Amino acid sequence: MKMTLYNLVAAKAETHKNKTAILGFNHVIFNYDHLYQQVTHIGQQLHQLGLCRYSRIALVLPNGVEAAIAFISVTSHMICAPLNPNYSQHEFGFYLTDLRADALVVMEDSQSSAIAVANKHHIPIFYLSRFANDTSQLLGLTTSWRETQPLEYTSPEPHDIALLLHTSG
């Protein structure tokens, strides 16, 4: 039986609720239940903002727990295109337009040149919160962009594209 990433995370949360799913810096541990809550929450936020399973979301995030959770979350609901945070403004210009990105996700305190490129091309920017001292809180997305109407949620299908990667070959 073919499953989506979201179905796999949900199944693990049901059968291995308290088992470690992600081990981050300083021994920050996320069990499958918490990962499932995070994945569901971020997916709901993106849908409320008018994005759907066919939307292409560029991630420009530094390595860390937040990036891992955002990657799994976006890939579970939409098309994820992670980009190297060290790209130049020119490189971001190429990648964001080549991807036909529907949105950009960066950290809430990001100074990435991807933000200027996204603004230039009218690509909505979503700012991912950081975990403070309490990792039991859910990560959130903030933005000044608002779609006029949230889209009705439709689950990804096993044949849907989940990941777009630019490679040198």
Protein backbone atom coordinates (compact mmCIF):
# COMPACT_ATOMS: atom_id res chain seq x y z
CA MET A 1 0.00 0.00 0.00
CA LYS A 2 1.40 3.40 -0.99
CA MET A 3 1.40 6.06 1.69
CA THR A 4 2.20 9.75 1.88
CA LEU A 5 4.74 11.18 4.30
CA TYR A 6 1.87 12.64 6.33
CA ASN A 7 0.28 9.17 6.62
CA LEU A 8 3.61 7.71 7.74
CA VAL A 9 4.06 10.37 10.44
CA ALA A 10 0.47 9.86 11.61
CA ALA A 11 0.92 6.09 11.76
CA LYS A 12 4.15 6.42 13.77
CA ALA A 13 2.43 8.84 16.16
CA GLU A 14 -0.29 6.27 16.70
CA THR A 15 1.97 3.25 17.23
CA HIS A 16 5.14 4.84 18.67
CA LYS A 17 3.73 7.95 20.34
CA ASN A 18 6.52 8.48 22.88
CA LYS A 19 9.46 7.17 20.83
CA THR A 20 12.10 9.63 19.65
CA ALA A 21 11.41 11.01 16.18
CA ILE A 22 13.93 13.87 16.09
CA LEU A 23 16.96 14.44 18.29
CA GLY A 24 18.22 18.00 18.02
CA PHE A 25 21.06 20.10 19.36
CA ASN A 26 21.53 20.05 23.13
CA HIS A 27 19.58 16.79 23.26
CA VAL A 28 16.26 18.40 22.36
CA ILE A 29 13.99 15.41 21.76
CA PHE A 30 10.76 15.28 19.78
CA ASN A 31 8.65 12.19 20.01
CA TYR A 32 6.38 11.06 17.17
CA ASP A 33 3.27 12.45 18.82
CA HIS A 34 4.77 15.94 19.07
CA LEU A 35 6.16 15.72 15.52
CA TYR A 36 2.69 14.78 14.27
CA GLN A 37 1.18 17.77 16.10
CA GLN A 38 3.79 20.08 14.54
CA VAL A 39 3.29 18.68 11.03
CA THR A 40 -0.48 19.00 11.31
CA HIS A 41 -0.32 22.54 12.74
CA ILE A 42 2.03 23.92 10.06
CA GLY A 43 0.00 22.25 7.30
CA GLN A 44 -3.20 23.80 8.65
CA GLN A 45 -1.57 27.23 8.80
CA LEU A 46 -0.40 27.01 5.19
CA HIS A 47 -3.85 25.93 4.01
CA GLN A 48 -5.51 28.74 5.97
CA LEU A 49 -3.28 31.14 4.06
CA GLY A 50 -4.56 29.85 0.72
CA LEU A 51 -1.89 27.30 -0.21
CA CYS A 52 -2.68 23.78 -1.39
CA ARG A 53 -1.02 20.43 -2.01
CA TYR A 54 0.25 21.66 -5.40
CA SER A 55 1.85 24.81 -3.96
CA ARG A 56 5.63 25.08 -4.24
CA ILE A 57 7.18 26.25 -0.98
CA ALA A 58 10.84 27.31 -0.92
CA LEU A 59 12.55 26.76 2.45
CA VAL A 60 15.56 28.90 3.32
CA LEU A 61 16.37 27.79 6.84
CA PRO A 62 19.55 27.19 8.84
CA ASN A 63 20.23 23.66 10.01
CA GLY A 64 18.42 22.76 13.20
CA VAL A 65 15.32 21.26 14.72
CA GLU A 66 13.04 23.97 13.33
CA ALA A 67 14.34 23.32 9.80
CA ALA A 68 13.83 19.57 10.16
CA ILE A 69 10.26 20.02 11.40
CA ALA A 70 9.47 22.61 8.70
CA PHE A 71 10.89 20.31 6.01
CA ILE A 72 8.82 17.33 7.15
CA SER A 73 5.74 19.53 7.58
CA VAL A 74 5.85 21.18 4.16
CA THR A 75 6.79 17.92 2.41
CA SER A 76 3.83 16.23 4.13
CA HIS A 77 1.32 18.70 2.72
CA MET A 78 2.78 20.44 -0.33
CA ILE A 79 5.79 20.60 -2.62
CA CYS A 80 8.92 21.48 -0.68
CA ALA A 81 11.97 23.06 -2.30
CA PRO A 82 14.77 23.51 0.24
CA LEU A 83 17.39 26.07 -0.78
CA ASN A 84 20.84 26.71 0.63
CA PRO A 85 20.67 29.71 2.99
CA ASN A 86 24.15 30.75 1.79
CA TYR A 87 23.06 31.45 -1.79
CA SER A 88 23.68 34.94 -3.12
CA GLN A 89 20.82 37.26 -4.05
CA HIS A 90 21.46 36.44 -7.71
CA GLU A 91 21.24 32.69 -7.00
CA PHE A 92 18.02 33.13 -5.03
CA GLY A 93 16.65 35.12 -7.96
CA PHE A 94 17.32 32.21 -10.29
CA TYR A 95 16.06 29.47 -7.98
CA LEU A 96 12.88 31.17 -6.79
CA THR A 97 11.81 32.04 -10.32
CA ASP A 98 12.89 28.69 -11.78
CA LEU A 99 10.91 26.87 -9.07
CA ARG A 100 7.92 29.15 -9.64
CA ALA A 101 7.75 29.35 -5.85
CA ASP A 102 4.32 30.09 -4.39
CA ALA A 103 5.81 31.03 -1.02
CA LEU A 104 9.09 31.38 0.85
CA VAL A 105 9.65 30.18 4.43
CA VAL A 106 12.47 31.76 6.47
CA MET A 107 13.19 32.03 10.20
CA GLU A 108 11.47 34.91 12.02
CA ASP A 109 14.77 36.75 12.50
CA SER A 110 16.19 36.00 9.05
CA GLN A 111 18.27 38.54 7.18
CA SER A 112 18.45 36.33 4.07
CA SER A 113 18.73 37.99 0.68
CA ALA A 114 15.99 35.56 -0.39
CA ILE A 115 13.53 37.95 1.30
CA ALA A 116 14.42 40.83 -1.04
CA VAL A 117 14.12 38.53 -4.05
CA ALA A 118 10.74 37.21 -2.88
CA ASN A 119 9.49 40.76 -2.37
CA LYS A 120 10.69 41.76 -5.83
CA HIS A 121 8.81 38.83 -7.40
CA HIS A 122 5.72 39.20 -5.17
CA ILE A 123 6.27 35.81 -3.54
CA PRO A 124 4.58 35.62 -0.12
CA ILE A 125 7.03 35.28 2.78
CA PHE A 126 6.25 33.20 5.85
CA TYR A 127 8.33 33.61 8.99
CA LEU A 128 8.87 30.47 11.08
CA SER A 129 9.05 30.99 14.84
CA ARG A 130 11.94 29.61 16.87
CA PHE A 131 11.60 27.36 19.86
CA ALA A 132 12.34 29.35 22.97
CA ASN A 133 12.99 27.34 26.10
CA ASP A 134 9.78 25.37 25.75
CA THR A 135 9.84 22.93 22.84
CA SER A 136 6.37 21.67 23.77
CA GLN A 137 5.01 24.78 22.02
CA LEU A 138 4.04 24.48 18.38
CA LEU A 139 6.08 26.25 15.76
CA GLY A 140 4.11 28.93 13.99
CA LEU A 141 4.16 30.86 10.77
CA THR A 142 3.52 34.57 10.55
CA THR A 143 3.10 36.69 7.47
CA SER A 144 1.66 39.99 6.34
CA TRP A 145 0.29 38.30 3.23
CA ARG A 146 -3.30 37.10 3.31
CA GLU A 147 -5.18 35.14 0.71
CA THR A 148 -8.76 36.32 0.43
CA GLN A 149 -10.13 32.87 1.11
CA PRO A 150 -8.58 29.79 2.73
CA LEU A 151 -8.59 26.76 0.49
CA GLU A 152 -10.45 23.64 1.46
CA TYR A 153 -7.95 21.07 2.63
CA THR A 154 -7.29 18.17 0.30
CA SER A 155 -4.87 15.47 1.37
CA PRO A 156 -1.84 14.78 -0.74
CA GLU A 157 -2.01 11.59 -2.76
CA PRO A 158 0.85 9.06 -2.94
CA HIS A 159 1.59 10.08 -6.54
CA ASP A 160 1.85 13.83 -5.75
CA ILE A 161 5.20 15.59 -5.94
CA ALA A 162 6.56 16.24 -2.44
CA LEU A 163 10.10 17.50 -3.06
CA LEU A 164 11.88 19.59 -5.68
CA LEU A 165 15.68 19.68 -5.58
CA HIS A 166 18.01 21.62 -7.83
CA THR A 167 21.14 19.65 -8.55
CA SER A 168 24.27 20.32 -10.54
CA GLY A 169 23.47 17.49 -12.97
